[in-house]
Every structure is written in C-alpha cells, then in structure tokens.
C-alpha cells in the first residue's frame, strides 16, 4: 500500500515540480575559481614597543587621570584607609618604643618641653598627629550609620561626607588644643 501511495504522489504536480527543481539545480555550473594558496616561510615579527605600535595604528593616547574628576566618596574611602594605616603605624611605633626605649614617657615629654618650641609649632605638631584619629573616628561613625541601611542615596552620601569632614576638623582642633 505504501508503494501505491508513493506512486500516486509521484504523479502529482507537487512532487513533479520538486523533481524538475532538483534536476535544474544539479545542472548549475559554478564559475567561482578556487583561491590560489601560496605558502611562505614563517618570519618572526620585528619587536615593536607598545607605544610605537599604537602610533603606527593611529590609536589615540588615553588621557587617563588628566580627565578624571575625583569624586568625594572615592577620595574619602581612600583617605579612610590611609588614616587607618597611619593609626596602625602610631600604635606600632609607640608599642615598640615603650618596649625598647630606656626611659619612660615623662622623660621624653620633658625633652620636648626643653626645646622651647613656639605654641604654634606645638599646636601644628599635635594637629598633624591628631588628624588621622579624628578623621578615622568620624568616618567610622559614618560607616556605622551606613550599616543600618540609611544614608545610602548619592545626595545623603555627599551630605554625610561633608558633615563628617566638618566633625573631623572640629574634633582634631579640640584634640590639638589639649
């Protein structure tokens, strides 16, 4: 029965047209030529500096930091890390000094007092020593506020950043006045 059905379909116009189409495709001659392959001996490329290659290829030089506008959150984050490292350095120097130096702290304070430094010089030295502590403390409180999932919009980040800087200056000034 299957042969009978196939025989009837072969006589139909649809399969007849498909047969004509297939026979027409096989008679098409391709006129495109095969590409000629030429083998060359491998040559090592000449060493070229990265900048010379970019000039040869007419690539523009990236301006990098000359066009970058530093943003307050990035600067405050970097400064927070730097102040933490400074405080670690203070603790290390004071700890090693307390263990290795022959006299106690009162002796070294009397040595500084005997130098007869001006009050402005002493204030400036204390301000420089207290600045990392004031900054790290104020920015640490800001980070604790962020841990409550508050103040995380860009406007609030800038407001808390500027207020933290004001608190830093005030606390550093108070510590330097002691």
C-alpha atoms as a PDB file:
ATOM      1  CA  UNK A   1       0.000   0.000   0.000  1.00  0.00           C
ATOM      2  CA  UNK A   2       2.823   2.370   0.803  1.00  0.00           C
ATOM      3  CA  UNK A   3       4.179   1.872  -2.722  1.00  0.00           C
ATOM      4  CA  UNK A   4       0.790   2.640  -4.164  1.00  0.00           C
ATOM      5  CA  UNK A   5       0.609   5.927  -2.221  1.00  0.00           C
ATOM      6  CA  UNK A   6       4.144   6.926  -3.234  1.00  0.00           C
ATOM      7  CA  UNK A   7       3.322   6.085  -6.830  1.00  0.00           C
ATOM      8  CA  UNK A   8       0.293   8.300  -6.782  1.00  0.00           C
ATOM      9  CA  UNK A   9       2.253  11.160  -5.155  1.00  0.00           C
ATOM     10  CA  UNK A  10       4.959  10.866  -7.782  1.00  0.00           C
ATOM     11  CA  UNK A  11       2.440  11.596 -10.441  1.00  0.00           C
ATOM     12  CA  UNK A  12       1.049  14.621  -8.635  1.00  0.00           C
ATOM     13  CA  UNK A  13       2.039  18.037  -9.716  1.00  0.00           C
ATOM     14  CA  UNK A  14       3.783  18.950  -6.426  1.00  0.00           C
ATOM     15  CA  UNK A  15       6.310  16.123  -6.497  1.00  0.00           C
ATOM     16  CA  UNK A  16       6.769  16.523 -10.217  1.00  0.00           C
ATOM     17  CA  UNK A  17       7.675  20.145  -9.742  1.00  0.00           C
ATOM     18  CA  UNK A  18      10.129  19.259  -6.969  1.00  0.00           C
ATOM     19  CA  UNK A  19      11.800  16.735  -9.283  1.00  0.00           C
ATOM     20  CA  UNK A  20      12.178  19.355 -12.012  1.00  0.00           C
ATOM     21  CA  UNK A  21      13.615  21.809  -9.488  1.00  0.00           C
ATOM     22  CA  UNK A  22      16.147  19.258  -8.222  1.00  0.00           C
ATOM     23  CA  UNK A  23      17.296  18.320 -11.687  1.00  0.00           C
ATOM     24  CA  UNK A  24      17.673  22.010 -12.565  1.00  0.00           C
ATOM     25  CA  UNK A  25      19.911  22.646  -9.563  1.00  0.00           C
ATOM     26  CA  UNK A  26      22.305  19.874 -10.477  1.00  0.00           C
ATOM     27  CA  UNK A  27      22.905  21.380 -13.927  1.00  0.00           C
ATOM     28  CA  UNK A  28      24.101  24.748 -12.499  1.00  0.00           C
ATOM     29  CA  UNK A  29      27.805  25.273 -13.109  1.00  0.00           C
ATOM     30  CA  UNK A  30      29.826  27.173 -10.575  1.00  0.00           C
ATOM     31  CA  UNK A  31      32.030  29.845 -12.095  1.00  0.00           C
ATOM     32  CA  UNK A  32      33.929  30.922  -8.984  1.00  0.00           C
ATOM     33  CA  UNK A  33      37.581  29.970  -9.063  1.00  0.00           C
ATOM     34  CA  UNK A  34      39.382  28.326  -6.181  1.00  0.00           C
ATOM     35  CA  UNK A  35      41.769  30.683  -4.396  1.00  0.00           C
ATOM     36  CA  UNK A  36      45.433  30.100  -5.028  1.00  0.00           C
ATOM     37  CA  UNK A  37      47.297  29.196  -1.843  1.00  0.00           C
ATOM     38  CA  UNK A  38      50.838  30.476  -1.545  1.00  0.00           C
ATOM     39  CA  UNK A  39      52.988  29.150   1.292  1.00  0.00           C
ATOM     40  CA  UNK A  40      55.651  31.460   2.736  1.00  0.00           C
ATOM     41  CA  UNK A  41      58.330  30.695   5.242  1.00  0.00           C
ATOM     42  CA  UNK A  42      57.461  31.977   8.748  1.00  0.00           C
ATOM     43  CA  UNK A  43      59.302  35.131   9.732  1.00  0.00           C
ATOM     44  CA  UNK A  44      59.473  36.339  13.303  1.00  0.00           C
ATOM     45  CA  UNK A  45      57.783  39.757  13.591  1.00  0.00           C
ATOM     46  CA  UNK A  46      60.090  42.634  14.398  1.00  0.00           C
ATOM     47  CA  UNK A  47      59.996  43.635  18.056  1.00  0.00           C
ATOM     48  CA  UNK A  48      57.904  46.753  18.453  1.00  0.00           C
ATOM     49  CA  UNK A  49      57.251  48.830  21.542  1.00  0.00           C
ATOM     50  CA  UNK A  50      53.641  49.173  22.653  1.00  0.00           C
ATOM     51  CA  UNK A  51      53.644  52.951  22.155  1.00  0.00           C
ATOM     52  CA  UNK A  52      55.198  52.653  18.676  1.00  0.00           C
ATOM     53  CA  UNK A  53      52.539  50.137  17.673  1.00  0.00           C
ATOM     54  CA  UNK A  54      49.766  52.458  18.876  1.00  0.00           C
ATOM     55  CA  UNK A  55      51.265  55.323  16.860  1.00  0.00           C
ATOM     56  CA  UNK A  56      51.559  53.118  13.752  1.00  0.00           C
ATOM     57  CA  UNK A  57      47.937  52.013  14.111  1.00  0.00           C
ATOM     58  CA  UNK A  58      46.834  55.644  14.757  1.00  0.00           C
ATOM     59  CA  UNK A  59      45.341  54.797  18.122  1.00  0.00           C
ATOM     60  CA  UNK A  60      44.688  57.792  20.371  1.00  0.00           C
ATOM     61  CA  UNK A  61      46.530  58.099  23.658  1.00  0.00           C
ATOM     62  CA  UNK A  62      44.166  57.700  26.589  1.00  0.00           C
ATOM     63  CA  UNK A  63      44.167  60.794  28.814  1.00  0.00           C
ATOM     64  CA  UNK A  64      43.675  58.611  31.916  1.00  0.00           C
ATOM     65  CA  UNK A  65      43.983  60.740  35.060  1.00  0.00           C
ATOM     66  CA  UNK A  66      44.148  64.087  33.270  1.00  0.00           C
ATOM     67  CA  UNK A  67      40.410  63.970  32.555  1.00  0.00           C
ATOM     68  CA  UNK A  68      39.286  62.015  35.601  1.00  0.00           C
ATOM     69  CA  UNK A  69      37.268  64.029  38.108  1.00  0.00           C
ATOM     70  CA  UNK A  70      37.825  62.665  41.589  1.00  0.00           C
ATOM     71  CA  UNK A  71      34.565  62.134  43.428  1.00  0.00           C
ATOM     72  CA  UNK A  72      34.101  62.787  47.113  1.00  0.00           C
ATOM     73  CA  UNK A  73      33.115  59.216  48.105  1.00  0.00           C
ATOM     74  CA  UNK A  74      36.191  57.766  46.398  1.00  0.00           C
ATOM     75  CA  UNK A  75      38.552  60.279  47.993  1.00  0.00           C
ATOM     76  CA  UNK A  76      37.016  59.764  51.445  1.00  0.00           C
ATOM     77  CA  UNK A  77      37.275  55.995  51.103  1.00  0.00           C
ATOM     78  CA  UNK A  78      40.945  56.137  50.126  1.00  0.00           C
ATOM     79  CA  UNK A  79      41.673  58.610  52.923  1.00  0.00           C
ATOM     80  CA  UNK A  80      39.878  56.392  55.444  1.00  0.00           C
ATOM     81  CA  UNK A  81      42.204  53.525  54.554  1.00  0.00           C
ATOM     82  CA  UNK A  82      45.258  55.789  54.734  1.00  0.00           C
ATOM     83  CA  UNK A  83      44.255  57.131  58.155  1.00  0.00           C
ATOM     84  CA  UNK A  84      43.781  53.566  59.399  1.00  0.00           C
ATOM     85  CA  UNK A  85      47.298  52.705  58.258  1.00  0.00           C
ATOM     86  CA  UNK A  86      48.663  55.817  59.970  1.00  0.00           C
ATOM     87  CA  UNK A  87      46.945  54.867  63.230  1.00  0.00           C
ATOM     88  CA  UNK A  88      48.388  51.364  62.959  1.00  0.00           C
ATOM     89  CA  UNK A  89      51.803  52.932  62.467  1.00  0.00           C
ATOM     90  CA  UNK A  90      51.302  55.136  65.543  1.00  0.00           C
ATOM     91  CA  UNK A  91      50.361  52.109  67.651  1.00  0.00           C
ATOM     92  CA  UNK A  92      53.311  50.097  66.346  1.00  0.00           C
ATOM     93  CA  UNK A  93      55.858  52.858  66.934  1.00  0.00           C
ATOM     94  CA  UNK A  94      54.512  53.658  70.416  1.00  0.00           C
ATOM     95  CA  UNK A  95      54.387  49.964  71.376  1.00  0.00           C
ATOM     96  CA  UNK A  96      57.893  49.188  70.151  1.00  0.00           C
ATOM     97  CA  UNK A  97      59.150  52.447  71.662  1.00  0.00           C
ATOM     98  CA  UNK A  98      57.639  51.609  75.041  1.00  0.00           C
ATOM     99  CA  UNK A  99      59.345  48.225  74.968  1.00  0.00           C
ATOM    100  CA  UNK A 100      62.772  49.295  73.738  1.00  0.00           C
ATOM    101  CA  UNK A 101      63.434  52.864  74.879  1.00  0.00           C
ATOM    102  CA  UNK A 102      65.325  53.199  78.179  1.00  0.00           C
ATOM    103  CA  UNK A 103      63.202  55.966  79.780  1.00  0.00           C
ATOM    104  CA  UNK A 104      59.506  56.395  80.423  1.00  0.00           C
ATOM    105  CA  UNK A 105      57.176  58.804  78.586  1.00  0.00           C
ATOM    106  CA  UNK A 106      57.572  61.655  81.088  1.00  0.00           C
ATOM    107  CA  UNK A 107      61.273  61.906  80.233  1.00  0.00           C
ATOM    108  CA  UNK A 108      60.547  62.379  76.517  1.00  0.00           C
ATOM    109  CA  UNK A 109      57.839  64.946  77.233  1.00  0.00           C
ATOM    110  CA  UNK A 110      60.324  66.948  79.323  1.00  0.00           C
ATOM    111  CA  UNK A 111      62.836  66.756  76.431  1.00  0.00           C
ATOM    112  CA  UNK A 112      60.237  68.241  74.059  1.00  0.00           C
ATOM    113  CA  UNK A 113      59.397  70.969  76.614  1.00  0.00           C
ATOM    114  CA  UNK A 114      63.086  71.822  76.989  1.00  0.00           C
ATOM    115  CA  UNK A 115      63.286  72.592  73.236  1.00  0.00           C
ATOM    116  CA  UNK A 116      61.267  75.770  73.872  1.00  0.00           C
ATOM    117  CA  UNK A 117      59.163  75.346  70.728  1.00  0.00           C
ATOM    118  CA  UNK A 118      56.632  78.045  69.951  1.00  0.00           C
ATOM    119  CA  UNK A 119      52.985  77.360  70.820  1.00  0.00           C
ATOM    120  CA  UNK A 120      52.088  77.486  67.110  1.00  0.00           C
ATOM    121  CA  UNK A 121      54.650  74.761  66.329  1.00  0.00           C
ATOM    122  CA  UNK A 122      53.393  72.563  69.163  1.00  0.00           C
ATOM    123  CA  UNK A 123      49.769  73.100  68.063  1.00  0.00           C
ATOM    124  CA  UNK A 124      50.643  72.216  64.467  1.00  0.00           C
ATOM    125  CA  UNK A 125      52.501  69.053  65.538  1.00  0.00           C
ATOM    126  CA  UNK A 126      49.599  67.952  67.744  1.00  0.00           C
ATOM    127  CA  UNK A 127      47.118  68.766  64.949  1.00  0.00           C
ATOM    128  CA  UNK A 128      49.064  66.612  62.487  1.00  0.00           C
ATOM    129  CA  UNK A 129      49.239  63.745  64.970  1.00  0.00           C
ATOM    130  CA  UNK A 130      45.535  64.021  65.913  1.00  0.00           C
ATOM    131  CA  UNK A 131      44.174  64.423  62.350  1.00  0.00           C
ATOM    132  CA  UNK A 132      44.208  60.709  61.413  1.00  0.00           C
ATOM    133  CA  UNK A 133      42.434  59.808  64.656  1.00  0.00           C
ATOM    134  CA  UNK A 134      39.733  62.472  64.225  1.00  0.00           C
ATOM    135  CA  UNK A 135      39.172  61.557  60.590  1.00  0.00           C
ATOM    136  CA  UNK A 136      39.102  57.791  61.105  1.00  0.00           C
ATOM    137  CA  UNK A 137      36.797  58.141  64.108  1.00  0.00           C
ATOM    138  CA  UNK A 138      34.275  60.404  62.317  1.00  0.00           C
ATOM    139  CA  UNK A 139      34.300  58.337  59.131  1.00  0.00           C
ATOM    140  CA  UNK A 140      33.933  55.159  61.200  1.00  0.00           C
ATOM    141  CA  UNK A 141      30.746  56.560  62.732  1.00  0.00           C
ATOM    142  CA  UNK A 142      29.536  57.391  59.224  1.00  0.00           C
ATOM    143  CA  UNK A 143      30.162  53.785  58.161  1.00  0.00           C
ATOM    144  CA  UNK A 144      28.267  52.519  61.212  1.00  0.00           C
ATOM    145  CA  UNK A 145      25.347  54.725  60.131  1.00  0.00           C
ATOM    146  CA  UNK A 146      25.524  53.167  56.675  1.00  0.00           C
ATOM    147  CA  UNK A 147      25.424  49.696  58.261  1.00  0.00           C
ATOM    148  CA  UNK A 148      21.874  50.487  59.374  1.00  0.00           C
ATOM    149  CA  UNK A 149      20.992  50.790  55.648  1.00  0.00           C
ATOM    150  CA  UNK A 150      20.371  54.521  55.952  1.00  0.00           C
ATOM    151  CA  UNK A 151      22.013  57.421  54.144  1.00  0.00           C
ATOM    152  CA  UNK A 152      22.915  55.460  51.035  1.00  0.00           C
ATOM    153  CA  UNK A 153      21.494  57.714  48.323  1.00  0.00           C
ATOM    154  CA  UNK A 154      24.031  59.828  46.460  1.00  0.00           C
ATOM    155  CA  UNK A 155      22.720  63.057  47.976  1.00  0.00           C
ATOM    156  CA  UNK A 156      22.951  61.629  51.502  1.00  0.00           C
ATOM    157  CA  UNK A 157      26.421  60.223  50.833  1.00  0.00           C
ATOM    158  CA  UNK A 158      27.666  63.704  49.920  1.00  0.00           C
ATOM    159  CA  UNK A 159      25.865  65.368  52.845  1.00  0.00           C
ATOM    160  CA  UNK A 160      27.285  62.882  55.349  1.00  0.00           C
ATOM    161  CA  UNK A 161      30.697  63.218  53.705  1.00  0.00           C
ATOM    162  CA  UNK A 162      30.826  66.988  54.124  1.00  0.00           C
ATOM    163  CA  UNK A 163      29.410  66.833  57.658  1.00  0.00           C
ATOM    164  CA  UNK A 164      31.975  64.154  58.537  1.00  0.00           C
ATOM    165  CA  UNK A 165      34.748  66.455  57.305  1.00  0.00           C
ATOM    166  CA  UNK A 166      33.397  69.278  59.495  1.00  0.00           C
ATOM    167  CA  UNK A 167      33.279  66.967  62.521  1.00  0.00           C
ATOM    168  CA  UNK A 168      36.823  65.840  61.715  1.00  0.00           C
ATOM    169  CA  UNK A 169      38.138  69.395  61.710  1.00  0.00           C
ATOM    170  CA  UNK A 170      36.336  70.235  64.957  1.00  0.00           C
ATOM    171  CA  UNK A 171      37.483  67.098  66.809  1.00  0.00           C
ATOM    172  CA  UNK A 172      41.057  67.434  65.525  1.00  0.00           C
ATOM    173  CA  UNK A 173      41.132  71.067  66.615  1.00  0.00           C
ATOM    174  CA  UNK A 174      39.871  70.115  70.091  1.00  0.00           C
ATOM    175  CA  UNK A 175      42.443  67.330  70.416  1.00  0.00           C
ATOM    176  CA  UNK A 176      45.255  69.664  69.320  1.00  0.00           C
ATOM    177  CA  UNK A 177      44.195  72.228  71.936  1.00  0.00           C
ATOM    178  CA  UNK A 178      44.709  69.744  74.795  1.00  0.00           C
END
